[in-house]
Amino acid sequence: YERDGSICGVALPPGLQRGEALPEPIFTPAAK
């Protein structure tokens, strides 16, 4: 998030801090 402003392509609002609750839960898949 600090690098891209997003997580796994999910855009997030600017200014979020470490440990902060996200506006809503997000889905971020990973290839096993």
All heavy atoms as atom14 arrays in JSON, in Angstrom:
{
  "sequence": "YERDGSICGVALPPGLQRGEALPEPIFTPAAK",
  "atom14_mask": [
    [1, 1, 1, 1, 1, 1, 1, 1, 1, 1, 1, 1, 0, 0],
    [1, 1, 1, 1, 1, 1, 1, 1, 1, 0, 0, 0, 0, 0],
    [1, 1, 1, 1, 1, 1, 1, 1, 1, 1, 1, 0, 0, 0],
    [1, 1, 1, 1, 1, 1, 1, 1, 0, 0, 0, 0, 0, 0],
    [1, 1, 1, 1, 0, 0, 0, 0, 0, 0, 0, 0, 0, 0],
    [1, 1, 1, 1, 1, 1, 0, 0, 0, 0, 0, 0, 0, 0],
    [1, 1, 1, 1, 1, 1, 1, 1, 0, 0, 0, 0, 0, 0],
    [1, 1, 1, 1, 1, 1, 0, 0, 0, 0, 0, 0, 0, 0],
    [1, 1, 1, 1, 0, 0, 0, 0, 0, 0, 0, 0, 0, 0],
    [1, 1, 1, 1, 1, 1, 1, 0, 0, 0, 0, 0, 0, 0],
    [1, 1, 1, 1, 1, 0, 0, 0, 0, 0, 0, 0, 0, 0],
    [1, 1, 1, 1, 1, 1, 1, 1, 0, 0, 0, 0, 0, 0],
    [1, 1, 1, 1, 1, 1, 1, 0, 0, 0, 0, 0, 0, 0],
    [1, 1, 1, 1, 1, 1, 1, 0, 0, 0, 0, 0, 0, 0],
    [1, 1, 1, 1, 0, 0, 0, 0, 0, 0, 0, 0, 0, 0],
    [1, 1, 1, 1, 1, 1, 1, 1, 0, 0, 0, 0, 0, 0],
    [1, 1, 1, 1, 1, 1, 1, 1, 1, 0, 0, 0, 0, 0],
    [1, 1, 1, 1, 1, 1, 1, 1, 1, 1, 1, 0, 0, 0],
    [1, 1, 1, 1, 0, 0, 0, 0, 0, 0, 0, 0, 0, 0],
    [1, 1, 1, 1, 1, 1, 1, 1, 1, 0, 0, 0, 0, 0],
    [1, 1, 1, 1, 1, 0, 0, 0, 0, 0, 0, 0, 0, 0],
    [1, 1, 1, 1, 1, 1, 1, 1, 0, 0, 0, 0, 0, 0],
    [1, 1, 1, 1, 1, 1, 1, 0, 0, 0, 0, 0, 0, 0],
    [1, 1, 1, 1, 1, 1, 1, 1, 1, 0, 0, 0, 0, 0],
    [1, 1, 1, 1, 1, 1, 1, 0, 0, 0, 0, 0, 0, 0],
    [1, 1, 1, 1, 1, 1, 1, 1, 0, 0, 0, 0, 0, 0],
    [1, 1, 1, 1, 1, 1, 1, 1, 1, 1, 1, 0, 0, 0],
    [1, 1, 1, 1, 1, 1, 1, 0, 0, 0, 0, 0, 0, 0],
    [1, 1, 1, 1, 1, 1, 1, 0, 0, 0, 0, 0, 0, 0],
    [1, 1, 1, 1, 1, 0, 0, 0, 0, 0, 0, 0, 0, 0],
    [1, 1, 1, 1, 1, 0, 0, 0, 0, 0, 0, 0, 0, 0],
    [1, 1, 1, 1, 1, 1, 1, 1, 1, 0, 0, 0, 0, 0]
  ],
  "atom14_positions": [
    [[0.83, -1.21, 0.0], [0.0, 0.0, 0.0], [0.87, 1.26, 0.0], [0.59, 2.22, -0.74], [-0.92, -0.01, 1.22], [-1.63, 1.31, 1.44], [-2.72, 1.67, 0.65], [-1.22, 2.19, 2.44], [-3.37, 2.88, 0.85], [-1.86, 3.39, 2.65], [-2.94, 3.74, 1.86], [-3.57, 4.94, 2.06], [0.0, 0.0, 0.0], [0.0, 0.0, 0.0]],
    [[1.92, 1.27, 0.83], [2.78, 2.44, 0.89], [3.51, 2.67, -0.43], [3.82, 3.81, -0.79], [3.79, 2.28, 2.03], [3.15, 2.34, 3.41], [4.13, 2.09, 4.54], [5.18, 1.45, 4.28], [3.86, 2.53, 5.67], [0.0, 0.0, 0.0], [0.0, 0.0, 0.0], [0.0, 0.0, 0.0], [0.0, 0.0, 0.0], [0.0, 0.0, 0.0]],
    [[3.74, 1.59, -1.17], [4.43, 1.72, -2.47], [3.48, 2.07, -3.6], [3.78, 2.92, -4.44], [5.15, 0.4, -2.78], [6.0, 0.44, -4.04], [6.54, -0.95, -4.38], [5.48, -1.87, -4.75], [5.34, -3.1, -4.24], [6.19, -3.54, -3.31], [4.36, -3.87, -4.65], [0.0, 0.0, 0.0], [0.0, 0.0, 0.0], [0.0, 0.0, 0.0]],
    [[2.3, 1.4, -3.62], [1.42, 1.5, -4.78], [0.08, 2.17, -4.51], [-0.65, 2.5, -5.45], [1.14, 0.1, -5.34], [2.41, -0.65, -5.72], [3.39, 0.01, -6.09], [2.41, -1.89, -5.63], [0.0, 0.0, 0.0], [0.0, 0.0, 0.0], [0.0, 0.0, 0.0], [0.0, 0.0, 0.0], [0.0, 0.0, 0.0], [0.0, 0.0, 0.0]],
    [[-0.29, 2.31, -3.24], [-1.62, 2.83, -2.95], [-2.71, 1.8, -3.15], [-3.91, 2.13, -3.14], [0.0, 0.0, 0.0], [0.0, 0.0, 0.0], [0.0, 0.0, 0.0], [0.0, 0.0, 0.0], [0.0, 0.0, 0.0], [0.0, 0.0, 0.0], [0.0, 0.0, 0.0], [0.0, 0.0, 0.0], [0.0, 0.0, 0.0], [0.0, 0.0, 0.0]],
    [[-2.3, 0.54, -3.33], [-3.25, -0.54, -3.55], [-2.67, -1.83, -3.0], [-1.49, -1.89, -2.65], [-3.56, -0.7, -5.04], [-2.37, -1.04, -5.75], [0.0, 0.0, 0.0], [0.0, 0.0, 0.0], [0.0, 0.0, 0.0], [0.0, 0.0, 0.0], [0.0, 0.0, 0.0], [0.0, 0.0, 0.0], [0.0, 0.0, 0.0], [0.0, 0.0, 0.0]],
    [[-3.51, -2.87, -2.93], [-3.07, -4.19, -2.49], [-3.6, -5.21, -3.48], [-4.82, -5.33, -3.66], [-3.56, -4.53, -1.07], [-3.14, -3.45, -0.07], [-3.04, -5.89, -0.63], [-3.78, -3.63, 1.3], [0.0, 0.0, 0.0], [0.0, 0.0, 0.0], [0.0, 0.0, 0.0], [0.0, 0.0, 0.0], [0.0, 0.0, 0.0], [0.0, 0.0, 0.0]],
    [[-2.7, -5.91, -4.14], [-3.09, -6.91, -5.15], [-4.08, -6.35, -6.15], [-5.06, -7.01, -6.54], [-3.67, -8.16, -4.46], [-2.47, -9.11, -3.54], [0.0, 0.0, 0.0], [0.0, 0.0, 0.0], [0.0, 0.0, 0.0], [0.0, 0.0, 0.0], [0.0, 0.0, 0.0], [0.0, 0.0, 0.0], [0.0, 0.0, 0.0], [0.0, 0.0, 0.0]],
    [[-3.85, -5.09, -6.53], [-4.71, -4.47, -7.53], [-5.96, -3.82, -6.97], [-6.72, -3.2, -7.72], [0.0, 0.0, 0.0], [0.0, 0.0, 0.0], [0.0, 0.0, 0.0], [0.0, 0.0, 0.0], [0.0, 0.0, 0.0], [0.0, 0.0, 0.0], [0.0, 0.0, 0.0], [0.0, 0.0, 0.0], [0.0, 0.0, 0.0], [0.0, 0.0, 0.0]],
    [[-6.2, -3.94, -5.67], [-7.37, -3.32, -5.04], [-6.98, -1.93, -4.57], [-6.16, -1.77, -3.64], [-7.88, -4.15, -3.85], [-9.09, -3.47, -3.21], [-8.22, -5.57, -4.29], [0.0, 0.0, 0.0], [0.0, 0.0, 0.0], [0.0, 0.0, 0.0], [0.0, 0.0, 0.0], [0.0, 0.0, 0.0], [0.0, 0.0, 0.0], [0.0, 0.0, 0.0]],
    [[-7.53, -0.91, -5.18], [-7.2, 0.47, -4.82], [-7.8, 0.81, -3.46], [-8.93, 0.43, -3.14], [-7.72, 1.42, -5.88], [0.0, 0.0, 0.0], [0.0, 0.0, 0.0], [0.0, 0.0, 0.0], [0.0, 0.0, 0.0], [0.0, 0.0, 0.0], [0.0, 0.0, 0.0], [0.0, 0.0, 0.0], [0.0, 0.0, 0.0], [0.0, 0.0, 0.0]],
    [[-7.04, 1.55, -2.65], [-7.48, 1.96, -1.32], [-7.34, 3.46, -1.18], [-6.53, 4.1, -1.85], [-6.64, 1.24, -0.25], [-6.81, -0.27, -0.16], [-5.79, -0.86, 0.8], [-8.23, -0.62, 0.3], [0.0, 0.0, 0.0], [0.0, 0.0, 0.0], [0.0, 0.0, 0.0], [0.0, 0.0, 0.0], [0.0, 0.0, 0.0], [0.0, 0.0, 0.0]],
    [[-8.11, 4.08, -0.27], [-8.02, 5.53, -0.06], [-6.62, 5.93, 0.41], [-5.95, 5.14, 1.09], [-9.07, 5.81, 1.03], [-9.96, 4.62, 1.03], [-9.12, 3.46, 0.6], [0.0, 0.0, 0.0], [0.0, 0.0, 0.0], [0.0, 0.0, 0.0], [0.0, 0.0, 0.0], [0.0, 0.0, 0.0], [0.0, 0.0, 0.0], [0.0, 0.0, 0.0]],
    [[-6.17, 7.11, 0.07], [-4.87, 7.57, 0.55], [-4.91, 7.88, 2.05], [-5.98, 8.1, 2.62], [-4.61, 8.83, -0.27], [-5.98, 9.34, -0.62], [-6.82, 8.11, -0.81], [0.0, 0.0, 0.0], [0.0, 0.0, 0.0], [0.0, 0.0, 0.0], [0.0, 0.0, 0.0], [0.0, 0.0, 0.0], [0.0, 0.0, 0.0], [0.0, 0.0, 0.0]],
    [[-3.73, 7.88, 2.67], [-3.62, 8.32, 4.05], [-3.9, 7.27, 5.1], [-3.93, 7.6, 6.3], [0.0, 0.0, 0.0], [0.0, 0.0, 0.0], [0.0, 0.0, 0.0], [0.0, 0.0, 0.0], [0.0, 0.0, 0.0], [0.0, 0.0, 0.0], [0.0, 0.0, 0.0], [0.0, 0.0, 0.0], [0.0, 0.0, 0.0], [0.0, 0.0, 0.0]],
    [[-4.1, 6.01, 4.73], [-4.33, 4.98, 5.73], [-3.03, 4.73, 6.51], [-1.94, 4.8, 5.96], [-4.8, 3.68, 5.08], [-6.15, 3.72, 4.34], [-6.45, 2.36, 3.72], [-7.27, 4.11, 5.3], [0.0, 0.0, 0.0], [0.0, 0.0, 0.0], [0.0, 0.0, 0.0], [0.0, 0.0, 0.0], [0.0, 0.0, 0.0], [0.0, 0.0, 0.0]],
    [[-3.18, 4.41, 7.79], [-2.03, 4.2, 8.64], [-1.86, 2.71, 8.98], [-2.77, 1.91, 8.82], [-2.18, 4.98, 9.94], [-2.3, 6.48, 9.79], [-2.41, 7.16, 11.14], [-1.52, 7.03, 11.98], [-3.5, 7.89, 11.34], [0.0, 0.0, 0.0], [0.0, 0.0, 0.0], [0.0, 0.0, 0.0], [0.0, 0.0, 0.0], [0.0, 0.0, 0.0]],
    [[-0.68, 2.39, 9.47], [-0.38, 1.04, 9.91], [-1.41, 0.57, 10.94], [-1.73, 1.28, 11.89], [1.01, 1.0, 10.53], [1.43, -0.35, 11.06], [2.84, -0.29, 11.62], [3.37, -1.61, 11.91], [4.61, -1.85, 12.27], [5.47, -0.85, 12.39], [5.01, -3.08, 12.52], [0.0, 0.0, 0.0], [0.0, 0.0, 0.0], [0.0, 0.0, 0.0]],
    [[-1.94, -0.62, 10.72], [-2.89, -1.2, 11.66], [-4.31, -0.66, 11.55], [-5.19, -1.09, 12.29], [0.0, 0.0, 0.0], [0.0, 0.0, 0.0], [0.0, 0.0, 0.0], [0.0, 0.0, 0.0], [0.0, 0.0, 0.0], [0.0, 0.0, 0.0], [0.0, 0.0, 0.0], [0.0, 0.0, 0.0], [0.0, 0.0, 0.0], [0.0, 0.0, 0.0]],
    [[-4.56, 0.24, 10.63], [-5.89, 0.84, 10.52], [-6.87, -0.14, 9.85], [-6.5, -0.9, 8.96], [-5.82, 2.13, 9.71], [-7.12, 2.92, 9.67], [-6.94, 4.32, 9.11], [-5.77, 4.74, 8.86], [-7.96, 5.0, 8.92], [0.0, 0.0, 0.0], [0.0, 0.0, 0.0], [0.0, 0.0, 0.0], [0.0, 0.0, 0.0], [0.0, 0.0, 0.0]],
    [[-8.13, -0.09, 10.3], [-9.16, -0.9, 9.67], [-9.42, -0.39, 8.26], [-9.53, 0.83, 8.04], [-10.44, -0.86, 10.49], [0.0, 0.0, 0.0], [0.0, 0.0, 0.0], [0.0, 0.0, 0.0], [0.0, 0.0, 0.0], [0.0, 0.0, 0.0], [0.0, 0.0, 0.0], [0.0, 0.0, 0.0], [0.0, 0.0, 0.0], [0.0, 0.0, 0.0]],
    [[-9.5, -1.29, 7.31], [-9.82, -0.9, 5.94], [-11.28, -0.49, 5.85], [-12.11, -0.9, 6.68], [-9.54, -2.07, 5.0], [-8.1, -2.6, 4.99], [-7.99, -3.81, 4.06], [-7.13, -1.51, 4.58], [0.0, 0.0, 0.0], [0.0, 0.0, 0.0], [0.0, 0.0, 0.0], [0.0, 0.0, 0.0], [0.0, 0.0, 0.0], [0.0, 0.0, 0.0]],
    [[-11.63, 0.33, 4.86], [-13.03, 0.74, 4.72], [-13.99, -0.46, 4.68], [-15.11, -0.39, 5.19], [-13.04, 1.51, 3.4], [-11.64, 2.03, 3.27], [-10.76, 0.98, 3.86], [0.0, 0.0, 0.0], [0.0, 0.0, 0.0], [0.0, 0.0, 0.0], [0.0, 0.0, 0.0], [0.0, 0.0, 0.0], [0.0, 0.0, 0.0], [0.0, 0.0, 0.0]],
    [[-13.55, -1.54, 4.08], [-14.27, -2.81, 4.1], [-13.25, -3.9, 3.81], [-12.2, -3.65, 3.22], [-15.4, -2.84, 3.06], [-14.94, -2.66, 1.64], [-16.11, -2.66, 0.67], [-17.27, -2.64, 1.13], [-15.86, -2.69, -0.55], [0.0, 0.0, 0.0], [0.0, 0.0, 0.0], [0.0, 0.0, 0.0], [0.0, 0.0, 0.0], [0.0, 0.0, 0.0]],
    [[-13.53, -5.14, 4.26], [-12.57, -6.22, 4.0], [-12.33, -6.4, 2.51], [-13.23, -6.21, 1.69], [-13.26, -7.46, 4.6], [-14.19, -6.9, 5.62], [-14.67, -5.59, 5.05], [0.0, 0.0, 0.0], [0.0, 0.0, 0.0], [0.0, 0.0, 0.0], [0.0, 0.0, 0.0], [0.0, 0.0, 0.0], [0.0, 0.0, 0.0], [0.0, 0.0, 0.0]],
    [[-11.1, -6.77, 2.16], [-10.75, -6.97, 0.76], [-10.22, -8.38, 0.54], [-9.74, -9.03, 1.47], [-9.71, -5.93, 0.27], [-8.4, -6.08, 1.05], [-10.26, -4.52, 0.37], [-7.27, -5.21, 0.49], [0.0, 0.0, 0.0], [0.0, 0.0, 0.0], [0.0, 0.0, 0.0], [0.0, 0.0, 0.0], [0.0, 0.0, 0.0], [0.0, 0.0, 0.0]],
    [[-10.33, -8.82, -0.7], [-9.88, -10.15, -1.12], [-8.61, -10.01, -1.91], [-8.56, -9.29, -2.92], [-10.98, -10.8, -1.96], [-10.62, -12.15, -2.53], [-10.57, -13.27, -1.71], [-10.37, -12.31, -3.89], [-10.26, -14.52, -2.23], [-10.06, -13.54, -4.42], [-10.01, -14.66, -3.6], [0.0, 0.0, 0.0], [0.0, 0.0, 0.0], [0.0, 0.0, 0.0]],
    [[-7.52, -10.67, -1.45], [-6.23, -10.54, -2.13], [-5.64, -11.93, -2.34], [-4.96, -12.46, -1.46], [-5.26, -9.67, -1.3], [-5.04, -10.27, -0.02], [-5.83, -8.27, -1.1], [0.0, 0.0, 0.0], [0.0, 0.0, 0.0], [0.0, 0.0, 0.0], [0.0, 0.0, 0.0], [0.0, 0.0, 0.0], [0.0, 0.0, 0.0], [0.0, 0.0, 0.0]],
    [[-5.89, -12.55, -3.47], [-5.45, -13.94, -3.69], [-3.94, -14.06, -3.87], [-3.25, -13.09, -4.18], [-6.19, -14.34, -4.97], [-6.4, -13.04, -5.69], [-6.62, -12.01, -4.64], [0.0, 0.0, 0.0], [0.0, 0.0, 0.0], [0.0, 0.0, 0.0], [0.0, 0.0, 0.0], [0.0, 0.0, 0.0], [0.0, 0.0, 0.0], [0.0, 0.0, 0.0]],
    [[-3.46, -15.28, -3.65], [-2.05, -15.59, -3.89], [-1.96, -16.94, -4.57], [-2.69, -17.88, -4.22], [-1.27, -15.6, -2.58], [0.0, 0.0, 0.0], [0.0, 0.0, 0.0], [0.0, 0.0, 0.0], [0.0, 0.0, 0.0], [0.0, 0.0, 0.0], [0.0, 0.0, 0.0], [0.0, 0.0, 0.0], [0.0, 0.0, 0.0], [0.0, 0.0, 0.0]],
    [[-1.07, -17.05, -5.55], [-0.84, -18.32, -6.22], [0.01, -19.2, -5.32], [1.06, -18.78, -4.84], [-0.15, -18.09, -7.56], [0.0, 0.0, 0.0], [0.0, 0.0, 0.0], [0.0, 0.0, 0.0], [0.0, 0.0, 0.0], [0.0, 0.0, 0.0], [0.0, 0.0, 0.0], [0.0, 0.0, 0.0], [0.0, 0.0, 0.0], [0.0, 0.0, 0.0]],
    [[-0.45, -20.43, -5.06], [0.25, -21.33, -4.17], [1.55, -21.82, -4.8], [1.62, -22.1, -5.99], [-0.64, -22.51, -3.81], [-1.84, -22.12, -2.94], [-2.86, -23.23, -2.82], [-2.31, -24.44, -2.12], [-3.35, -25.45, -1.87], [0.0, 0.0, 0.0], [0.0, 0.0, 0.0], [0.0, 0.0, 0.0], [0.0, 0.0, 0.0], [0.0, 0.0, 0.0]]
  ]
}
